[in-house]
C-alpha cells in the first residue's frame, strides 16, 4: 500500500467503503470490521 499515490489511496478507500457497506447489508459485520480496519490503515498513510 505504500507504493500507492494519494489519488490511488483515495480511490481504494472509496472501494473499501463500498465493500464495507455491502458487507453490512448482508449482515456480515465481521467482514465489515475487517474492511474498516483496512480503510484506517490506508488513511493512516496520508
C-alpha atoms as a PDB file:
ATOM      1  CA  UNK A   1       0.000   0.000   0.000  1.00  0.00           C
ATOM      2  CA  UNK A   2       2.937   2.333   0.495  1.00  0.00           C
ATOM      3  CA  UNK A   3       3.538   2.328  -3.259  1.00  0.00           C
ATOM      4  CA  UNK A   4       0.135   3.895  -3.956  1.00  0.00           C
ATOM      5  CA  UNK A   5      -0.014   7.611  -4.626  1.00  0.00           C
ATOM      6  CA  UNK A   6      -2.504   9.842  -2.848  1.00  0.00           C
ATOM      7  CA  UNK A   7      -5.141   9.586  -5.602  1.00  0.00           C
ATOM      8  CA  UNK A   8      -4.845   5.785  -5.715  1.00  0.00           C
ATOM      9  CA  UNK A   9      -5.244   5.596  -1.931  1.00  0.00           C
ATOM     10  CA  UNK A  10      -8.323   7.824  -2.137  1.00  0.00           C
ATOM     11  CA  UNK A  11      -9.850   5.543  -4.789  1.00  0.00           C
ATOM     12  CA  UNK A  12      -9.001   2.476  -2.710  1.00  0.00           C
ATOM     13  CA  UNK A  13     -10.741   3.965   0.328  1.00  0.00           C
ATOM     14  CA  UNK A  14     -13.855   4.605  -1.784  1.00  0.00           C
ATOM     15  CA  UNK A  15     -13.843   0.991  -2.995  1.00  0.00           C
ATOM     16  CA  UNK A  16     -13.365  -0.286   0.544  1.00  0.00           C
ATOM     17  CA  UNK A  17     -16.211   1.917   1.797  1.00  0.00           C
ATOM     18  CA  UNK A  18     -18.496   0.388  -0.842  1.00  0.00           C
ATOM     19  CA  UNK A  19     -17.400  -3.138   0.080  1.00  0.00           C
ATOM     20  CA  UNK A  20     -17.931  -2.390   3.766  1.00  0.00           C
ATOM     21  CA  UNK A  21     -21.455  -1.123   3.081  1.00  0.00           C
ATOM     22  CA  UNK A  22     -22.213  -4.256   1.038  1.00  0.00           C
ATOM     23  CA  UNK A  23     -20.976  -6.428   3.907  1.00  0.00           C
ATOM     24  CA  UNK A  24     -23.235  -4.575   6.349  1.00  0.00           C
ATOM     25  CA  UNK A  25     -26.222  -5.004   4.027  1.00  0.00           C
ATOM     26  CA  UNK A  26     -25.821  -8.790   4.163  1.00  0.00           C
ATOM     27  CA  UNK A  27     -25.193  -8.607   7.922  1.00  0.00           C
ATOM     28  CA  UNK A  28     -21.556  -9.723   7.651  1.00  0.00           C
ATOM     29  CA  UNK A  29     -20.339  -7.462  10.416  1.00  0.00           C
ATOM     30  CA  UNK A  30     -17.069  -9.328  10.884  1.00  0.00           C
ATOM     31  CA  UNK A  31     -16.100  -8.663   7.270  1.00  0.00           C
ATOM     32  CA  UNK A  32     -17.266  -5.062   7.585  1.00  0.00           C
ATOM     33  CA  UNK A  33     -14.979  -4.608  10.595  1.00  0.00           C
ATOM     34  CA  UNK A  34     -12.017  -6.083   8.702  1.00  0.00           C
ATOM     35  CA  UNK A  35     -12.658  -3.742   5.775  1.00  0.00           C
ATOM     36  CA  UNK A  36     -12.978  -0.796   8.202  1.00  0.00           C
ATOM     37  CA  UNK A  37      -9.581  -1.695   9.651  1.00  0.00           C
ATOM     38  CA  UNK A  38      -8.051  -1.817   6.155  1.00  0.00           C
ATOM     39  CA  UNK A  39      -9.533   1.606   5.415  1.00  0.00           C
ATOM     40  CA  UNK A  40      -7.994   3.014   8.589  1.00  0.00           C
ATOM     41  CA  UNK A  41      -4.595   1.626   7.588  1.00  0.00           C
ATOM     42  CA  UNK A  42      -4.831   3.226   4.141  1.00  0.00           C
ATOM     43  CA  UNK A  43      -5.970   6.549   5.605  1.00  0.00           C
ATOM     44  CA  UNK A  44      -3.058   6.492   8.061  1.00  0.00           C
ATOM     45  CA  UNK A  45      -0.628   6.582   5.123  1.00  0.00           C
ATOM     46  CA  UNK A  46      -1.664  10.151   4.242  1.00  0.00           C
END
